[in-house]
Amino acid sequence: MDSSNYRFHRIPKRDGTMRIISEPVPELKKKQQGILRWLTARGIRPSSYAHGFVTGRSTATHARLHVNKKVVIKIDLKDFFGSTKSGQVITALMKAGLPAATAKDITNTCTLDGALPTGGPTSPMLSNLAVKGMDVRLAGLAKNYDATYSRYADDLCFSSDNPKLNEMLPAVKFVIEQCGYTLNDKKTRVMRKGRRQIVTGIVVNRKVNIPRKLRRNIRAGLHNIKMALLNSQPYDEKQYESLKGMAAYFQSVNIDATRSFKQDIREIERLLEVRSVNLKMNIAA
């Protein structure tokens, strides 16, 4: 497909640059969603090392593999979807058992100018399939260093008790480039025990945990909303929904660290019920 079938949105990134989201027009999007359901129904799955966009796996399952290790290395790929080309997708689909003609039709429908679009509903699954071979090679390389390897989308992680784990980086770079991808060298991190080790936003030093600063921010946000309700002041509904979502997510990471969140949310929900009843009474009066 070409650009006439897509709408383009610019979203700011943390580093100040812009990310371009290529969203398929409604008719094409519906077709891609149908392809995604069809592929999923056929039981086509990525490698066991992939944790992003895979049912039953998450940032938490990705992080748990790297808990309490002496060395954790985090690597980021540049322009993951845009670097996944049509030829890689066709090959991956054929390896998954699809006829060549079907693989080509799906690829033509789900790519933009010969690569996976950032906003396509099939892009996460197809990119996972395209790097299945790379995952296997990197996992094999990790074994040479008694290391564990896993990947969440474009976020690759290696961990081991081998203090020389960082010596594998040149070989990792070679495999990645041979597979058609590029390392984002600025984001490569070698995190040793004794310093904070974070994998996909989760602390993994001794156990999976929420970063202290984020935990404080969530608690403070919930407290501010509670105080606003107690004082009959307006509150930010979108912020509250966001805080509830983060609390629910982190509950799956470390339930003990989120008990206070649950208590705050219960109190806020009670206050919202009281506000709703009072509003109805005022209207009736």
Protein backbone atom coordinates (compact mmCIF):
# COMPACT_ATOMS: atom_id res chain seq x y z
CA MET A 1 0.00 0.00 0.00
CA ASP A 2 1.08 3.60 -0.52
CA SER A 3 0.69 6.75 1.59
CA SER A 4 -2.75 7.58 0.14
CA ASN A 5 -4.15 4.78 2.32
CA TYR A 6 -2.78 6.27 5.55
CA ARG A 7 -3.17 9.28 7.81
CA PHE A 8 -0.06 10.60 9.51
CA HIS A 9 0.17 11.94 13.06
CA ARG A 10 3.11 13.51 14.86
CA ILE A 11 3.59 12.59 18.52
CA PRO A 12 6.36 14.09 20.68
CA LYS A 13 8.92 11.68 22.15
CA ARG A 14 10.70 12.04 25.49
CA ASP A 15 13.89 13.22 23.81
CA GLY A 16 12.06 16.13 22.15
CA THR A 17 11.94 14.63 18.65
CA MET A 18 8.71 13.64 16.92
CA ARG A 19 7.41 10.15 16.24
CA ILE A 20 5.37 9.74 13.04
CA ILE A 21 2.37 7.45 13.43
CA SER A 22 1.06 6.03 10.15
CA GLU A 23 -2.58 5.16 10.74
CA PRO A 24 -4.42 3.21 8.01
CA VAL A 25 -7.69 4.69 6.76
CA PRO A 26 -10.79 3.02 8.30
CA GLU A 27 -11.44 0.57 5.44
CA LEU A 28 -7.82 -0.62 5.35
CA LYS A 29 -7.60 -0.72 9.14
CA LYS A 30 -10.66 -2.99 9.28
CA LYS A 31 -9.07 -5.29 6.71
CA GLN A 32 -5.79 -5.43 8.65
CA GLN A 33 -7.67 -6.20 11.86
CA GLY A 34 -9.35 -9.10 10.07
CA ILE A 35 -5.96 -10.40 8.94
CA LEU A 36 -4.68 -10.17 12.52
CA ARG A 37 -7.62 -12.23 13.79
CA TRP A 38 -7.12 -14.77 11.01
CA LEU A 39 -3.40 -15.19 11.73
CA THR A 40 -4.08 -15.49 15.46
CA ALA A 41 -6.78 -18.12 14.87
CA ARG A 42 -4.28 -20.19 12.90
CA GLY A 43 -2.07 -20.35 15.99
CA ILE A 44 0.80 -18.43 14.41
CA ARG A 45 2.98 -17.15 17.23
CA PRO A 46 6.37 -15.47 17.61
CA SER A 47 9.38 -16.97 19.35
CA SER A 48 9.27 -17.81 23.06
CA TYR A 49 11.68 -14.90 23.61
CA ALA A 50 9.13 -12.27 22.50
CA HIS A 51 7.06 -10.65 25.27
CA GLY A 52 5.61 -7.60 23.51
CA PHE A 53 2.15 -7.83 21.89
CA VAL A 54 1.84 -11.51 22.83
CA THR A 55 -1.16 -12.90 24.72
CA GLY A 56 -0.17 -13.97 28.22
CA ARG A 57 3.09 -12.02 28.15
CA SER A 58 3.86 -8.45 29.14
CA THR A 59 6.52 -6.00 30.31
CA ALA A 60 6.25 -7.77 33.68
CA THR A 61 6.95 -11.27 32.29
CA HIS A 62 9.83 -9.76 30.30
CA ALA A 63 11.31 -8.09 33.40
CA ARG A 64 10.92 -11.12 35.69
CA LEU A 65 13.39 -13.10 33.59
CA HIS A 66 16.17 -10.68 34.60
CA VAL A 67 15.66 -10.40 38.36
CA ASN A 68 18.62 -10.56 40.77
CA LYS A 69 21.38 -10.82 38.17
CA LYS A 70 24.88 -9.38 38.50
CA VAL A 71 24.73 -7.78 35.05
CA VAL A 72 21.72 -6.61 33.00
CA ILE A 73 22.20 -5.21 29.50
CA LYS A 74 19.43 -3.31 27.78
CA ILE A 75 19.55 -2.64 24.02
CA ASP A 76 17.18 -0.64 21.82
CA LEU A 77 16.57 -1.01 18.08
CA LYS A 78 16.14 2.05 15.88
CA ASP A 79 12.89 2.38 13.91
CA PHE A 80 11.83 -1.23 14.57
CA PHE A 81 8.69 -1.29 12.41
CA GLY A 82 10.16 0.86 9.65
CA SER A 83 13.22 -1.41 9.46
CA THR A 84 11.06 -4.51 9.03
CA LYS A 85 10.80 -4.83 5.25
CA SER A 86 8.26 -6.58 3.03
CA GLY A 87 10.69 -9.37 2.10
CA GLN A 88 11.23 -10.25 5.76
CA VAL A 89 7.49 -10.38 6.37
CA ILE A 90 6.83 -12.61 3.35
CA THR A 91 9.61 -14.99 4.39
CA ALA A 92 8.33 -15.12 7.99
CA LEU A 93 4.76 -15.88 6.89
CA MET A 94 5.92 -18.63 4.55
CA LYS A 95 8.00 -20.16 7.37
CA ALA A 96 4.82 -20.09 9.44
CA GLY A 97 3.20 -22.33 6.84
CA LEU A 98 1.35 -19.92 4.56
CA PRO A 99 1.44 -20.32 0.77
CA ALA A 100 3.63 -17.79 -1.03
CA ALA A 101 0.67 -16.07 -2.71
CA THR A 102 -1.17 -15.65 0.61
CA ALA A 103 1.99 -14.37 2.32
CA LYS A 104 2.47 -11.79 -0.45
CA ASP A 105 -1.17 -10.64 -0.33
CA ILE A 106 -1.03 -10.17 3.44
CA THR A 107 2.28 -8.33 3.20
CA ASN A 108 1.02 -5.99 0.47
CA THR A 109 -2.05 -5.17 2.57
CA CYS A 110 -0.12 -4.62 5.80
CA THR A 111 2.96 -2.68 4.66
CA LEU A 112 3.49 0.94 3.67
CA ASP A 113 6.08 1.71 1.00
CA GLY A 114 7.76 -1.66 1.58
CA ALA A 115 7.91 -1.63 5.40
CA LEU A 116 5.63 -2.06 8.41
CA PRO A 117 3.73 1.13 9.37
CA THR A 118 3.93 2.32 12.97
CA GLY A 119 0.15 2.56 13.37
CA GLY A 120 -0.90 -0.65 11.63
CA PRO A 121 -2.78 -3.17 13.82
CA THR A 122 -0.83 -6.05 12.25
CA SER A 123 2.62 -4.45 12.60
CA PRO A 124 3.36 -5.75 16.13
CA MET A 125 2.57 -9.35 15.24
CA LEU A 126 4.30 -9.28 11.85
CA SER A 127 7.44 -7.66 13.29
CA ASN A 128 7.58 -10.34 15.98
CA LEU A 129 7.37 -13.03 13.29
CA ALA A 130 10.00 -11.30 11.13
CA VAL A 131 12.61 -11.35 13.92
CA LYS A 132 11.92 -14.90 15.06
CA GLY A 133 15.22 -16.07 13.57
CA MET A 134 17.08 -13.15 15.13
CA ASP A 135 15.63 -14.01 18.54
CA VAL A 136 16.87 -17.58 18.25
CA ARG A 137 20.36 -16.45 17.22
CA LEU A 138 20.61 -13.92 20.05
CA ALA A 139 19.37 -16.48 22.59
CA GLY A 140 22.04 -18.90 21.36
CA LEU A 141 24.67 -16.19 21.72
CA ALA A 142 23.45 -15.47 25.25
CA LYS A 143 23.96 -19.11 26.25
CA ASN A 144 27.69 -18.72 25.60
CA TYR A 145 27.72 -16.25 28.50
CA ASP A 146 25.29 -18.19 30.73
CA ALA A 147 22.85 -15.37 30.05
CA THR A 148 19.09 -15.02 29.67
CA TYR A 149 17.70 -13.23 26.63
CA SER A 150 14.23 -11.79 26.01
CA ARG A 151 12.70 -9.04 23.88
CA TYR A 152 9.79 -6.65 24.33
CA ALA A 153 9.16 -5.14 20.86
CA ASP A 154 12.34 -3.14 20.12
CA ASP A 155 13.68 -3.47 23.69
CA LEU A 156 16.20 -6.32 23.96
CA CYS A 157 17.53 -7.53 27.29
CA PHE A 158 20.36 -9.85 28.36
CA SER A 159 21.19 -10.74 31.96
CA SER A 160 23.70 -13.00 33.69
CA ASP A 161 25.88 -13.50 36.75
CA ASN A 162 28.84 -13.46 34.37
CA PRO A 163 30.66 -10.14 35.03
CA LYS A 164 32.02 -10.17 31.47
CA LEU A 165 28.59 -10.21 29.85
CA ASN A 166 29.25 -6.85 28.16
CA GLU A 167 31.93 -8.55 26.04
CA MET A 168 29.12 -10.05 23.95
CA LEU A 169 27.97 -6.63 22.67
CA PRO A 170 30.03 -6.62 19.43
CA ALA A 171 28.61 -10.05 18.51
CA VAL A 172 25.08 -8.88 19.38
CA LYS A 173 25.51 -5.85 17.14
CA PHE A 174 26.76 -8.06 14.30
CA VAL A 175 23.72 -10.37 14.49
CA ILE A 176 21.27 -7.47 14.68
CA GLU A 177 22.79 -5.66 11.70
CA GLN A 178 22.97 -8.87 9.69
CA CYS A 179 19.22 -9.23 10.27
CA GLY A 180 18.61 -5.74 8.86
CA TYR A 181 18.28 -3.69 12.05
CA THR A 182 20.33 -0.94 13.72
CA LEU A 183 21.22 -0.45 17.37
CA ASN A 184 20.32 2.80 19.06
CA ASP A 185 23.72 3.08 20.74
CA LYS A 186 22.64 6.01 22.92
CA LYS A 187 20.13 3.76 24.67
CA THR A 188 22.44 0.80 25.35
CA ARG A 189 22.76 0.30 29.10
CA VAL A 190 25.05 -2.03 31.05
CA MET A 191 23.56 -2.15 34.56
CA ARG A 192 25.53 -3.90 37.28
CA LYS A 193 24.40 -5.07 40.70
CA GLY A 194 24.68 -2.35 43.31
CA ARG A 195 23.07 0.18 41.00
CA ARG A 196 19.44 0.37 39.96
CA GLN A 197 18.62 -2.11 37.19
CA ILE A 198 15.47 -1.27 35.21
CA VAL A 199 13.87 -3.40 32.48
CA THR A 200 10.83 -1.98 30.61
CA GLY A 201 10.22 0.48 33.45
CA ILE A 202 10.41 -2.17 36.20
CA VAL A 203 13.15 -2.44 38.83
CA VAL A 204 14.69 -5.94 38.82
CA ASN A 205 17.56 -5.74 41.35
CA ARG A 206 16.23 -8.17 43.97
CA LYS A 207 12.60 -8.59 42.86
CA VAL A 208 10.29 -6.95 40.36
CA ASN A 209 9.26 -3.60 41.76
CA ILE A 210 7.97 -0.16 40.85
CA PRO A 211 10.53 2.65 40.63
CA ARG A 212 10.34 4.63 43.90
CA LYS A 213 9.79 7.99 42.19
CA LEU A 214 6.89 6.68 40.10
CA ARG A 215 5.34 5.05 43.16
CA ARG A 216 5.48 8.39 45.01
CA ASN A 217 3.97 10.23 42.02
CA ILE A 218 1.02 7.83 41.76
CA ARG A 219 0.37 8.04 45.50
CA ALA A 220 0.58 11.85 45.43
CA GLY A 221 -1.79 12.06 42.45
CA LEU A 222 -4.39 9.86 44.17
CA HIS A 223 -4.03 11.85 47.40
CA ASN A 224 -4.62 15.15 45.54
CA ILE A 225 -7.77 13.79 43.93
CA LYS A 226 -9.04 12.51 47.28
CA MET A 227 -8.46 15.90 48.93
CA ALA A 228 -10.22 17.69 46.06
CA LEU A 229 -13.30 15.49 46.56
CA LEU A 230 -13.25 15.93 50.33
CA ASN A 231 -13.21 19.69 49.84
CA SER A 232 -15.93 19.65 47.13
CA GLN A 233 -13.43 20.82 44.54
CA PRO A 234 -13.24 19.73 40.85
CA TYR A 235 -10.78 17.00 39.91
CA ASP A 236 -9.16 15.82 36.69
CA GLU A 237 -11.18 12.78 35.56
CA LYS A 238 -8.66 11.82 32.85
CA GLN A 239 -5.81 11.95 35.35
CA TYR A 240 -7.76 9.74 37.75
CA GLU A 241 -8.44 7.15 35.04
CA SER A 242 -4.74 7.22 34.12
CA LEU A 243 -3.69 6.74 37.76
CA LYS A 244 -6.15 3.86 38.15
CA GLY A 245 -4.73 2.22 35.04
CA MET A 246 -1.16 2.52 36.30
CA ALA A 247 -2.16 1.18 39.72
CA ALA A 248 -3.89 -1.82 38.13
CA TYR A 249 -0.89 -2.53 35.93
CA PHE A 250 1.62 -2.32 38.76
CA GLN A 251 -0.56 -4.59 40.88
CA SER A 252 0.39 -7.35 38.42
CA VAL A 253 4.04 -6.47 38.96
CA ASN A 254 4.18 -6.26 42.76
CA ILE A 255 0.92 -6.54 44.70
CA ASP A 256 2.54 -5.62 48.03
CA ALA A 257 3.84 -2.30 46.68
CA THR A 258 0.38 -1.31 45.45
CA ARG A 259 -1.76 -1.99 48.55
CA SER A 260 -1.81 1.72 49.40
CA PHE A 261 -2.99 2.51 45.84
CA LYS A 262 -5.95 0.16 46.27
CA GLN A 263 -6.91 1.77 49.57
CA ASP A 264 -6.74 5.27 48.08
CA ILE A 265 -8.83 4.22 45.07
CA ARG A 266 -11.48 2.60 47.30
CA GLU A 267 -11.75 5.84 49.29
CA ILE A 268 -11.97 7.94 46.12
CA GLU A 269 -14.72 5.69 44.71
CA ARG A 270 -16.73 6.11 47.92
CA LEU A 271 -16.32 9.88 47.74
CA LEU A 272 -17.46 9.84 44.10
CA GLU A 273 -20.57 7.87 45.08
CA VAL A 274 -21.38 10.44 47.78
CA ARG A 275 -20.84 13.29 45.30
CA SER A 276 -23.13 11.59 42.77
CA VAL A 277 -25.90 11.10 45.38
CA ASN A 278 -25.64 14.71 46.53
CA LEU A 279 -25.79 15.94 42.94
CA LYS A 280 -28.98 13.94 42.29
CA MET A 281 -30.55 15.27 45.49
CA ASN A 282 -29.71 18.85 44.51
CA ILE A 283 -31.25 18.35 41.09
CA ALA A 284 -34.38 16.84 42.61
CA ALA A 285 -34.68 19.74 45.02
